[in-house]
Amino acid sequence: MAWYIDSSKLTKSDGNKDWWKTTYKPGDEVPVSGIYRCLGCGKEVTCNDPDRFPPQNHHQHTVAQGTVRWKLNVRTNTKGD
């Protein structure tokens, strides 16, 4: 879970962009820089556009957790937009 100390430095998104709704696989291209959360285990990683998501062997899952899948949790502003 991402933490913060000053909510005045954050902006709530309307969530209408595809990158909020899409689930990404290991090795996919990162669409926007941010903090991504693994839907299987909750591990978070910081990824930058246009890098690729960490490979499947980045961390291990149990069978119950399923495959590694990433979803945007916090978008970061790296390009001044």
C-alpha atoms as a PDB file:
ATOM      1  CA  MET A   1       0.000   0.000   0.000  1.00  0.00           C
ATOM      2  CA  ALA A   2       1.352   3.425  -0.911  1.00  0.00           C
ATOM      3  CA  TRP A   3       1.625   5.875   1.990  1.00  0.00           C
ATOM      4  CA  TYR A   4       1.648   9.671   2.113  1.00  0.00           C
ATOM      5  CA  ILE A   5       2.034  12.426   4.687  1.00  0.00           C
ATOM      6  CA  ASP A   6       0.576  15.453   2.892  1.00  0.00           C
ATOM      7  CA  SER A   7      -2.669  14.977   0.977  1.00  0.00           C
ATOM      8  CA  SER A   8      -2.386  18.494  -0.478  1.00  0.00           C
ATOM      9  CA  LYS A   9       0.383  17.109  -2.730  1.00  0.00           C
ATOM     10  CA  LEU A  10      -1.950  14.503  -4.275  1.00  0.00           C
ATOM     11  CA  THR A  11      -4.626  14.790  -6.948  1.00  0.00           C
ATOM     12  CA  LYS A  12      -7.485  12.302  -7.201  1.00  0.00           C
ATOM     13  CA  SER A  13      -8.015  10.952 -10.704  1.00  0.00           C
ATOM     14  CA  ASP A  14     -11.411  10.373 -12.268  1.00  0.00           C
ATOM     15  CA  GLY A  15     -10.065   6.975 -13.361  1.00  0.00           C
ATOM     16  CA  ASN A  16     -11.222   7.354 -16.946  1.00  0.00           C
ATOM     17  CA  LYS A  17      -7.861   6.633 -18.579  1.00  0.00           C
ATOM     18  CA  ASP A  18      -7.216   3.083 -19.781  1.00  0.00           C
ATOM     19  CA  TRP A  19      -4.022   2.800 -17.731  1.00  0.00           C
ATOM     20  CA  TRP A  20      -6.098   2.813 -14.502  1.00  0.00           C
ATOM     21  CA  LYS A  21      -8.292  -0.057 -15.731  1.00  0.00           C
ATOM     22  CA  THR A  22      -5.758  -2.294 -17.481  1.00  0.00           C
ATOM     23  CA  THR A  23      -3.914  -5.222 -15.914  1.00  0.00           C
ATOM     24  CA  TYR A  24      -0.335  -5.690 -17.173  1.00  0.00           C
ATOM     25  CA  LYS A  25       1.836  -8.790 -17.455  1.00  0.00           C
ATOM     26  CA  PRO A  26       5.557  -9.144 -16.697  1.00  0.00           C
ATOM     27  CA  GLY A  27       7.553  -7.728 -19.602  1.00  0.00           C
ATOM     28  CA  ASP A  28       4.749  -5.470 -20.901  1.00  0.00           C
ATOM     29  CA  GLU A  29       5.721  -1.871 -21.648  1.00  0.00           C
ATOM     30  CA  VAL A  30       4.884   0.514 -18.805  1.00  0.00           C
ATOM     31  CA  PRO A  31       2.244   2.973 -20.136  1.00  0.00           C
ATOM     32  CA  VAL A  32       2.726   5.692 -17.480  1.00  0.00           C
ATOM     33  CA  SER A  33       5.223   6.069 -14.653  1.00  0.00           C
ATOM     34  CA  GLY A  34       3.925   5.162 -11.233  1.00  0.00           C
ATOM     35  CA  ILE A  35       3.550   2.674  -8.429  1.00  0.00           C
ATOM     36  CA  TYR A  36       2.069  -0.624  -9.593  1.00  0.00           C
ATOM     37  CA  ARG A  37       0.611  -3.294  -7.318  1.00  0.00           C
ATOM     38  CA  CYS A  38       0.689  -7.023  -7.989  1.00  0.00           C
ATOM     39  CA  LEU A  39      -2.901  -8.289  -7.909  1.00  0.00           C
ATOM     40  CA  GLY A  40      -1.845 -11.714  -6.656  1.00  0.00           C
ATOM     41  CA  CYS A  41       0.268 -10.844  -3.617  1.00  0.00           C
ATOM     42  CA  GLY A  42       0.064  -7.061  -3.100  1.00  0.00           C
ATOM     43  CA  LYS A  43       3.774  -6.381  -3.706  1.00  0.00           C
ATOM     44  CA  GLU A  44       4.367  -2.892  -5.128  1.00  0.00           C
ATOM     45  CA  VAL A  45       6.993  -1.703  -7.593  1.00  0.00           C
ATOM     46  CA  THR A  46       7.857   1.668  -9.045  1.00  0.00           C
ATOM     47  CA  CYS A  47       8.011   1.577 -12.843  1.00  0.00           C
ATOM     48  CA  ASN A  48       8.878   4.260 -15.362  1.00  0.00           C
ATOM     49  CA  ASP A  49       7.454   4.866 -18.832  1.00  0.00           C
ATOM     50  CA  PRO A  50       8.654   3.459 -21.299  1.00  0.00           C
ATOM     51  CA  ASP A  51      10.487   0.714 -19.368  1.00  0.00           C
ATOM     52  CA  ARG A  52       9.098  -2.807 -19.070  1.00  0.00           C
ATOM     53  CA  PHE A  53       7.427  -4.384 -16.052  1.00  0.00           C
ATOM     54  CA  PRO A  54       9.615  -6.710 -13.969  1.00  0.00           C
ATOM     55  CA  PRO A  55       9.987 -10.262 -15.334  1.00  0.00           C
ATOM     56  CA  GLN A  56       7.945 -13.196 -14.040  1.00  0.00           C
ATOM     57  CA  ASN A  57      10.831 -14.291 -11.782  1.00  0.00           C
ATOM     58  CA  HIS A  58      10.931 -10.877 -10.044  1.00  0.00           C
ATOM     59  CA  HIS A  59       9.124 -12.459  -7.107  1.00  0.00           C
ATOM     60  CA  GLN A  60       7.484 -15.813  -6.431  1.00  0.00           C
ATOM     61  CA  HIS A  61       3.802 -16.611  -5.990  1.00  0.00           C
ATOM     62  CA  THR A  62       1.994 -19.528  -4.476  1.00  0.00           C
ATOM     63  CA  VAL A  63      -0.436 -21.421  -6.694  1.00  0.00           C
ATOM     64  CA  ALA A  64      -3.306 -19.687  -4.870  1.00  0.00           C
ATOM     65  CA  GLN A  65      -1.898 -16.240  -5.784  1.00  0.00           C
ATOM     66  CA  GLY A  66      -1.856 -17.067  -9.479  1.00  0.00           C
ATOM     67  CA  THR A  67       0.351 -15.342 -12.034  1.00  0.00           C
ATOM     68  CA  VAL A  68       2.075 -12.004 -11.522  1.00  0.00           C
ATOM     69  CA  ARG A  69      -0.189  -9.195 -12.829  1.00  0.00           C
ATOM     70  CA  TRP A  70       0.381  -5.481 -12.352  1.00  0.00           C
ATOM     71  CA  LYS A  71      -2.183  -2.691 -11.951  1.00  0.00           C
ATOM     72  CA  LEU A  72      -1.519   1.025 -11.553  1.00  0.00           C
ATOM     73  CA  ASN A  73      -1.973   2.185  -7.963  1.00  0.00           C
ATOM     74  CA  VAL A  74      -0.421   5.692  -8.013  1.00  0.00           C
ATOM     75  CA  ARG A  75       0.512   7.616 -11.150  1.00  0.00           C
ATOM     76  CA  THR A  76       3.607   9.785 -10.864  1.00  0.00           C
ATOM     77  CA  ASN A  77       4.178  12.980 -12.782  1.00  0.00           C
ATOM     78  CA  THR A  78       7.522  12.630 -14.537  1.00  0.00           C
ATOM     79  CA  LYS A  79       6.934  14.591 -17.730  1.00  0.00           C
ATOM     80  CA  GLY A  80       5.357  17.753 -16.368  1.00  0.00           C
ATOM     81  CA  ASP A  81       1.814  16.808 -17.392  1.00  0.00           C
END
